[in-house]
């Protein structure tokens, strides 16, 4: 099952529960030649888990961090990375968990 993480195309910080775990997410735009949207994740107390995950299409963004046991995959909708104007408006951040049943 896939869940849309609601975003807008602006830097933001918020808490969210994913697979029963409360996390703090921060999304920011890095305006540089190799820049783009970056994601930071922290636990509920604000202890950093991962920083600077590039929001790229076509892969599970959490795969390199499987040891964290976050309980799902983090994906972008579509085939293109989000631009400064399309994050949450045509390009969505999705959390996918396995269906049990």
N, C-alpha and C. Protein backbone atom coordinates (compact mmCIF):
# COMPACT_ATOMS: atom_id res chain seq x y z
N UNK A 1 0.84 -1.16 0.00
CA UNK A 1 0.00 0.00 0.00
C UNK A 1 0.89 1.23 0.00
N UNK A 2 0.51 2.23 -0.78
CA UNK A 2 1.27 3.47 -0.89
C UNK A 2 0.50 4.62 -0.24
N UNK A 3 1.25 5.44 0.47
CA UNK A 3 0.69 6.62 1.12
C UNK A 3 1.43 7.85 0.62
N UNK A 4 0.69 8.89 0.28
CA UNK A 4 1.30 10.15 -0.15
C UNK A 4 1.70 10.95 1.09
N UNK A 5 2.93 11.40 1.12
CA UNK A 5 3.39 12.31 2.17
C UNK A 5 3.14 13.71 1.65
N UNK A 6 2.23 14.45 2.28
CA UNK A 6 1.84 15.76 1.74
C UNK A 6 2.98 16.77 1.83
N UNK A 7 3.35 17.31 0.68
CA UNK A 7 4.41 18.31 0.60
C UNK A 7 3.97 19.46 -0.29
N UNK A 8 4.63 20.57 -0.13
CA UNK A 8 4.49 21.72 -1.02
C UNK A 8 5.89 22.10 -1.49
N UNK A 9 6.01 22.81 -2.62
CA UNK A 9 7.33 23.12 -3.15
C UNK A 9 8.01 24.28 -2.40
N UNK A 10 8.28 24.05 -1.13
CA UNK A 10 8.98 25.03 -0.30
C UNK A 10 9.68 24.28 0.83
N UNK A 11 10.75 24.83 1.38
CA UNK A 11 11.41 24.17 2.51
C UNK A 11 10.41 23.98 3.65
N UNK A 12 10.48 22.82 4.31
CA UNK A 12 9.52 22.54 5.38
C UNK A 12 10.06 21.50 6.34
N UNK A 13 9.54 21.54 7.57
CA UNK A 13 9.86 20.57 8.62
C UNK A 13 8.54 20.15 9.24
N UNK A 14 8.40 18.85 9.51
CA UNK A 14 7.15 18.37 10.10
C UNK A 14 7.36 17.00 10.71
N UNK A 15 6.44 16.61 11.58
CA UNK A 15 6.47 15.26 12.14
C UNK A 15 5.43 14.43 11.41
N UNK A 16 5.71 13.12 11.33
CA UNK A 16 4.82 12.21 10.63
C UNK A 16 5.02 10.81 11.22
N UNK A 17 3.97 10.01 11.19
CA UNK A 17 4.07 8.63 11.63
C UNK A 17 4.11 7.75 10.38
N UNK A 18 5.19 6.99 10.23
CA UNK A 18 5.36 6.06 9.11
C UNK A 18 5.58 4.67 9.68
N UNK A 19 4.74 3.73 9.28
CA UNK A 19 4.82 2.34 9.76
C UNK A 19 4.86 2.29 11.29
N UNK A 20 4.05 3.15 11.93
CA UNK A 20 3.94 3.14 13.38
C UNK A 20 5.06 3.84 14.12
N UNK A 21 5.95 4.50 13.40
CA UNK A 21 7.09 5.17 14.03
C UNK A 21 7.03 6.67 13.76
N UNK A 22 7.09 7.47 14.82
CA UNK A 22 7.07 8.93 14.64
C UNK A 22 8.44 9.41 14.21
N UNK A 23 8.45 10.19 13.14
CA UNK A 23 9.68 10.73 12.58
C UNK A 23 9.53 12.23 12.35
N UNK A 24 10.64 12.92 12.34
CA UNK A 24 10.68 14.32 11.95
C UNK A 24 11.36 14.39 10.59
N UNK A 25 10.69 15.01 9.62
CA UNK A 25 11.24 15.14 8.28
C UNK A 25 11.50 16.61 7.98
N UNK A 26 12.56 16.87 7.27
CA UNK A 26 12.87 18.21 6.78
C UNK A 26 13.21 18.08 5.30
N UNK A 27 12.60 18.94 4.49
CA UNK A 27 12.83 18.95 3.05
C UNK A 27 13.32 20.34 2.68
N UNK A 28 14.40 20.38 1.90
CA UNK A 28 14.95 21.67 1.50
C UNK A 28 15.47 21.60 0.07
N UNK A 29 15.47 22.75 -0.61
CA UNK A 29 15.98 22.85 -1.97
C UNK A 29 17.42 23.32 -1.92
N UNK A 30 18.30 22.61 -2.62
CA UNK A 30 19.71 22.99 -2.74
C UNK A 30 19.91 23.53 -4.15
N UNK A 31 20.05 24.85 -4.25
CA UNK A 31 20.18 25.50 -5.55
C UNK A 31 21.65 25.50 -5.96
N UNK A 32 22.07 24.41 -6.62
CA UNK A 32 23.45 24.23 -7.06
C UNK A 32 23.43 23.33 -8.29
N UNK A 33 24.53 23.29 -9.06
CA UNK A 33 24.53 22.45 -10.27
C UNK A 33 24.13 21.00 -10.03
N UNK A 34 24.56 20.40 -8.96
CA UNK A 34 24.18 19.02 -8.64
C UNK A 34 23.16 18.98 -7.51
N UNK A 35 22.46 20.08 -7.32
CA UNK A 35 21.52 20.20 -6.21
C UNK A 35 20.18 19.56 -6.51
N UNK A 36 19.17 20.04 -5.82
CA UNK A 36 17.82 19.51 -5.93
C UNK A 36 17.20 19.45 -4.55
N UNK A 37 16.09 18.75 -4.44
CA UNK A 37 15.42 18.57 -3.15
C UNK A 37 16.17 17.54 -2.32
N UNK A 38 16.39 17.85 -1.05
CA UNK A 38 17.07 16.95 -0.11
C UNK A 38 16.17 16.70 1.08
N UNK A 39 16.27 15.50 1.64
CA UNK A 39 15.45 15.09 2.78
C UNK A 39 16.34 14.71 3.96
N UNK A 40 15.99 15.22 5.13
CA UNK A 40 16.62 14.81 6.39
C UNK A 40 15.56 14.11 7.22
N UNK A 41 15.97 13.07 7.95
CA UNK A 41 15.06 12.33 8.83
C UNK A 41 15.67 12.26 10.22
N UNK A 42 14.82 12.46 11.23
CA UNK A 42 15.24 12.34 12.63
C UNK A 42 14.18 11.56 13.37
N UNK A 43 14.56 11.02 14.53
CA UNK A 43 13.56 10.33 15.35
C UNK A 43 12.69 11.36 16.06
N UNK A 44 11.73 10.90 16.84
CA UNK A 44 10.76 11.79 17.48
C UNK A 44 11.42 12.78 18.44
N UNK A 45 12.60 12.45 18.95
CA UNK A 45 13.32 13.34 19.87
C UNK A 45 14.23 14.31 19.13
N UNK A 46 14.29 14.20 17.81
CA UNK A 46 15.13 15.09 17.02
C UNK A 46 16.54 14.57 16.77
N UNK A 47 16.82 13.34 17.16
CA UNK A 47 18.14 12.75 16.90
C UNK A 47 18.23 12.39 15.42
N UNK A 48 19.19 12.96 14.68
CA UNK A 48 19.29 12.68 13.24
C UNK A 48 19.47 11.19 12.95
N UNK A 49 18.73 10.72 11.95
CA UNK A 49 18.88 9.35 11.46
C UNK A 49 19.65 9.35 10.15
N UNK A 50 19.23 10.18 9.21
CA UNK A 50 19.93 10.36 7.93
C UNK A 50 19.76 11.81 7.50
N UNK A 51 20.74 12.31 6.78
CA UNK A 51 20.70 13.70 6.32
C UNK A 51 21.08 13.78 4.85
N UNK A 52 20.40 14.65 4.13
CA UNK A 52 20.77 14.94 2.76
C UNK A 52 20.44 13.87 1.75
N UNK A 53 19.33 13.14 1.94
CA UNK A 53 18.92 12.14 0.95
C UNK A 53 18.41 12.89 -0.29
N UNK A 54 19.05 12.74 -1.46
CA UNK A 54 18.54 13.41 -2.66
C UNK A 54 17.22 12.78 -3.09
N UNK A 55 16.24 13.60 -3.41
CA UNK A 55 14.95 13.10 -3.89
C UNK A 55 15.07 12.84 -5.39
N UNK A 56 15.40 11.60 -5.73
CA UNK A 56 15.56 11.17 -7.11
C UNK A 56 14.51 10.12 -7.44
N UNK A 57 14.14 10.07 -8.70
CA UNK A 57 13.10 9.14 -9.15
C UNK A 57 13.69 7.77 -9.46
N UNK A 58 12.83 6.75 -9.39
CA UNK A 58 13.19 5.43 -9.88
C UNK A 58 13.84 4.49 -8.89
N UNK A 59 13.85 4.84 -7.61
CA UNK A 59 14.47 3.94 -6.63
C UNK A 59 13.86 4.16 -5.25
N UNK A 60 14.10 3.19 -4.36
CA UNK A 60 13.71 3.33 -2.97
C UNK A 60 14.76 4.20 -2.29
N UNK A 61 14.37 5.37 -1.86
CA UNK A 61 15.30 6.32 -1.25
C UNK A 61 15.84 5.82 0.09
N UNK A 62 15.12 4.88 0.71
CA UNK A 62 15.55 4.36 2.01
C UNK A 62 16.36 3.07 1.91
N UNK A 63 16.51 2.52 0.72
CA UNK A 63 17.22 1.24 0.59
C UNK A 63 18.61 1.26 1.22
N UNK A 64 19.41 2.31 1.05
CA UNK A 64 20.73 2.31 1.69
C UNK A 64 20.66 2.36 3.22
N UNK A 65 19.49 2.66 3.75
CA UNK A 65 19.32 2.82 5.20
C UNK A 65 18.42 1.73 5.78
N UNK A 66 18.40 0.56 5.16
CA UNK A 66 17.53 -0.54 5.61
C UNK A 66 17.81 -0.91 7.06
N UNK A 67 19.04 -0.71 7.51
CA UNK A 67 19.40 -1.03 8.90
C UNK A 67 18.60 -0.23 9.92
N UNK A 68 17.97 0.88 9.50
CA UNK A 68 17.16 1.68 10.41
C UNK A 68 15.81 1.03 10.71
N UNK A 69 15.41 0.07 9.88
CA UNK A 69 14.14 -0.63 10.11
C UNK A 69 12.93 0.28 10.07
N UNK A 70 12.86 1.15 9.06
CA UNK A 70 11.76 2.11 8.98
C UNK A 70 10.46 1.49 8.49
N UNK A 71 10.48 0.25 8.04
CA UNK A 71 9.25 -0.47 7.75
C UNK A 71 8.62 -0.23 6.40
N UNK A 72 9.34 0.37 5.47
CA UNK A 72 8.77 0.60 4.16
C UNK A 72 9.77 1.23 3.22
N UNK A 73 9.28 1.57 2.03
CA UNK A 73 10.10 2.19 1.00
C UNK A 73 9.64 3.63 0.80
N UNK A 74 10.57 4.49 0.45
CA UNK A 74 10.27 5.89 0.17
C UNK A 74 10.56 6.12 -1.31
N UNK A 75 9.55 6.55 -2.06
CA UNK A 75 9.65 6.67 -3.50
C UNK A 75 9.12 8.01 -3.96
N UNK A 76 9.51 8.40 -5.17
CA UNK A 76 8.89 9.55 -5.83
C UNK A 76 7.95 9.04 -6.90
N UNK A 77 6.83 9.71 -7.08
CA UNK A 77 5.95 9.36 -8.19
C UNK A 77 6.57 9.89 -9.48
N UNK A 78 6.30 9.23 -10.57
CA UNK A 78 6.82 9.68 -11.86
C UNK A 78 8.25 9.24 -12.11
N UNK A 79 8.77 9.70 -13.24
CA UNK A 79 10.11 9.31 -13.67
C UNK A 79 11.14 10.42 -13.57
N UNK A 80 10.71 11.61 -13.25
CA UNK A 80 11.61 12.75 -13.21
C UNK A 80 11.76 13.25 -11.78
N UNK A 81 12.94 13.76 -11.44
CA UNK A 81 13.09 14.36 -10.11
C UNK A 81 12.27 15.64 -10.03
N UNK A 82 11.81 16.01 -8.84
CA UNK A 82 11.02 17.22 -8.71
C UNK A 82 11.87 18.47 -8.94
N UNK A 83 11.25 19.45 -9.57
CA UNK A 83 11.90 20.75 -9.77
C UNK A 83 11.53 21.64 -8.58
N UNK A 84 12.04 22.87 -8.55
CA UNK A 84 11.68 23.75 -7.43
C UNK A 84 10.17 23.99 -7.31
N UNK A 85 9.44 23.80 -8.42
CA UNK A 85 8.01 24.11 -8.43
C UNK A 85 7.09 22.89 -8.42
N UNK A 86 7.61 21.67 -8.57
CA UNK A 86 6.72 20.52 -8.76
C UNK A 86 6.63 19.58 -7.57
N UNK A 87 7.45 19.75 -6.54
CA UNK A 87 7.37 18.85 -5.39
C UNK A 87 6.01 19.01 -4.72
N UNK A 88 5.24 17.93 -4.66
CA UNK A 88 3.90 17.98 -4.09
C UNK A 88 2.85 18.50 -5.04
N UNK A 89 3.27 18.89 -6.23
CA UNK A 89 2.36 19.39 -7.26
C UNK A 89 2.69 18.70 -8.58
N UNK A 90 2.45 17.42 -8.63
CA UNK A 90 2.76 16.64 -9.82
C UNK A 90 3.82 15.59 -9.55
N UNK A 91 4.72 15.85 -8.62
CA UNK A 91 5.70 14.87 -8.17
C UNK A 91 5.49 14.70 -6.67
N UNK A 92 5.05 13.51 -6.27
CA UNK A 92 4.72 13.26 -4.87
C UNK A 92 5.75 12.34 -4.22
N UNK A 93 5.92 12.52 -2.92
CA UNK A 93 6.74 11.63 -2.11
C UNK A 93 5.82 10.57 -1.54
N UNK A 94 6.16 9.30 -1.75
CA UNK A 94 5.30 8.18 -1.36
C UNK A 94 6.01 7.28 -0.36
N UNK A 95 5.26 6.79 0.62
CA UNK A 95 5.77 5.78 1.54
C UNK A 95 5.01 4.50 1.24
N UNK A 96 5.73 3.43 0.93
CA UNK A 96 5.11 2.16 0.53
C UNK A 96 5.42 1.09 1.56
N UNK A 97 4.36 0.42 2.02
CA UNK A 97 4.51 -0.70 2.94
C UNK A 97 3.93 -1.94 2.28
N UNK A 98 4.43 -3.10 2.67
CA UNK A 98 3.93 -4.37 2.12
C UNK A 98 2.51 -4.61 2.61
N UNK A 99 1.66 -5.09 1.71
CA UNK A 99 0.30 -5.47 2.10
C UNK A 99 0.36 -6.79 2.85
N UNK A 100 -0.29 -6.85 3.98
CA UNK A 100 -0.37 -8.09 4.77
C UNK A 100 -1.81 -8.57 4.75
N UNK A 101 -2.04 -9.70 4.14
CA UNK A 101 -3.40 -10.19 4.13
C UNK A 101 -3.74 -11.07 3.02
